[in-house]
Amino acid sequence: MIRALLNIIGLKQGDIVFEPFSGSVTTALEAQLLGINFYGIDISPLCVIQGRVKTESIFVLDKILEIKERLGLKLREVKFEFGANEKSVMHNSSYNTHNWFIEKKEKN
């Protein structure tokens, strides 16, 4: 929805968006993905932290995926070392990590 609005307004790469109540920074993230500069403020420290995580994590995505792969390799080593089957190892994972980095698929 936000991306559509940014496109309807006609903002182009390099333009600036200002949002005085940026909240969860969805506008900032969409602007960043489109190459639009974003300035936002919010009174809530939680929203500010959430916004920084969402907008800065895009720069380390490759590193996150690399760490995910290394952890997967370690998990397979542990499974082999202790003779556990894959289901029992994955069942003990309370973090549901296999859903963390699923790429979005476009809707038809």
Protein backbone atom coordinates (compact mmCIF):
# COMPACT_ATOMS: atom_id res chain seq x y z
CA MET A 1 0.00 0.00 0.00
CA ILE A 2 2.75 2.46 0.95
CA ARG A 3 4.80 1.61 -2.13
CA ALA A 4 1.74 2.22 -4.29
CA LEU A 5 1.20 5.61 -2.65
CA LEU A 6 4.84 6.58 -3.19
CA ASN A 7 4.45 5.65 -6.85
CA ILE A 8 1.11 7.48 -7.19
CA ILE A 9 2.62 10.63 -5.71
CA GLY A 10 5.32 10.33 -8.36
CA LEU A 11 8.37 10.25 -6.12
CA LYS A 12 11.53 9.19 -7.91
CA GLN A 13 14.90 7.90 -6.81
CA GLY A 14 16.72 10.67 -4.94
CA ASP A 15 13.53 12.50 -3.85
CA ILE A 16 12.79 13.01 -0.14
CA VAL A 17 9.93 11.78 2.04
CA PHE A 18 9.32 13.24 5.52
CA GLU A 19 7.09 11.46 8.01
CA PRO A 20 6.65 13.21 11.38
CA PHE A 21 5.04 10.16 13.05
CA SER A 22 7.09 7.36 11.54
CA GLY A 23 5.97 4.58 13.92
CA SER A 24 7.07 1.22 12.58
CA VAL A 25 8.82 2.93 9.62
CA THR A 26 7.02 1.05 6.86
CA THR A 27 7.20 4.18 4.73
CA ALA A 28 10.93 4.47 5.40
CA LEU A 29 11.55 0.89 4.37
CA GLU A 30 9.54 1.19 1.16
CA ALA A 31 11.25 4.49 0.34
CA GLN A 32 14.64 2.90 0.95
CA LEU A 33 13.82 0.03 -1.40
CA LEU A 34 12.80 2.54 -4.10
CA GLY A 35 15.92 4.69 -3.60
CA ILE A 36 13.94 7.56 -2.09
CA ASN A 37 15.52 9.44 0.82
CA PHE A 38 13.54 9.33 4.05
CA TYR A 39 13.44 11.52 7.13
CA GLY A 40 11.20 10.51 9.98
CA ILE A 41 10.74 11.18 13.68
CA ASP A 42 8.80 9.51 16.42
CA ILE A 43 8.45 10.21 20.13
CA SER A 44 8.53 6.51 21.04
CA PRO A 45 12.05 5.16 21.68
CA LEU A 46 10.75 1.68 20.83
CA CYS A 47 9.61 2.86 17.41
CA VAL A 48 12.97 4.53 16.83
CA ILE A 49 14.86 1.32 17.64
CA GLN A 50 12.46 -0.75 15.54
CA GLY A 51 12.93 1.65 12.66
CA ARG A 52 16.70 1.50 12.82
CA VAL A 53 16.66 -2.29 12.84
CA LYS A 54 14.29 -2.48 9.87
CA THR A 55 16.12 0.08 7.75
CA GLU A 56 19.71 -0.88 8.61
CA SER A 57 19.26 -4.65 8.38
CA ILE A 58 18.96 -4.43 4.60
CA PHE A 59 22.66 -3.57 4.47
CA VAL A 60 23.69 -6.74 6.31
CA LEU A 61 21.29 -9.21 4.69
CA ASP A 62 24.10 -11.07 2.89
CA LYS A 63 25.97 -11.47 6.18
CA ILE A 64 22.81 -12.72 7.93
CA LEU A 65 22.25 -15.32 5.21
CA GLU A 66 25.89 -16.41 5.46
CA ILE A 67 25.56 -16.89 9.22
CA LYS A 68 22.31 -18.79 8.70
CA GLU A 69 24.10 -21.18 6.33
CA ARG A 70 26.98 -21.70 8.77
CA LEU A 71 24.53 -22.41 11.59
CA GLY A 72 22.75 -24.93 9.36
CA LEU A 73 26.06 -26.70 8.73
CA LYS A 74 26.79 -26.77 12.46
CA LEU A 75 23.33 -28.17 13.14
CA ARG A 76 23.93 -30.98 10.67
CA GLU A 77 27.30 -31.70 12.36
CA VAL A 78 25.63 -31.88 15.77
CA LYS A 79 22.92 -34.14 14.38
CA PHE A 80 25.54 -36.49 12.94
CA GLU A 81 27.67 -36.37 16.08
CA PHE A 82 24.81 -37.30 18.41
CA GLY A 83 23.04 -39.65 16.00
CA ALA A 84 19.79 -37.68 16.15
CA ASN A 85 17.50 -37.66 13.19
CA GLU A 86 16.71 -34.36 11.50
CA LYS A 87 13.13 -34.16 12.80
CA SER A 88 14.16 -34.48 16.44
CA VAL A 89 16.81 -31.77 16.05
CA MET A 90 14.47 -29.40 14.24
CA HIS A 91 11.62 -30.12 16.65
CA ASN A 92 13.74 -28.83 19.53
CA SER A 93 14.26 -25.51 17.76
CA SER A 94 11.85 -23.11 19.40
CA TYR A 95 12.83 -20.24 17.14
CA ASN A 96 11.28 -21.54 13.91
CA THR A 97 14.39 -20.40 12.02
CA HIS A 98 13.41 -22.02 8.74
CA ASN A 99 10.76 -19.26 8.32
CA TRP A 100 12.98 -16.29 9.16
CA PHE A 101 14.48 -15.70 5.74
CA ILE A 102 11.92 -16.94 3.25
CA GLU A 103 11.91 -14.74 0.17
CA LYS A 104 8.58 -13.17 -0.71
CA LYS A 105 6.96 -14.63 -3.78
CA GLU A 106 5.09 -12.33 -6.11
CA LYS A 107 1.33 -12.77 -6.25
CA ASN A 108 -0.24 -13.46 -9.63
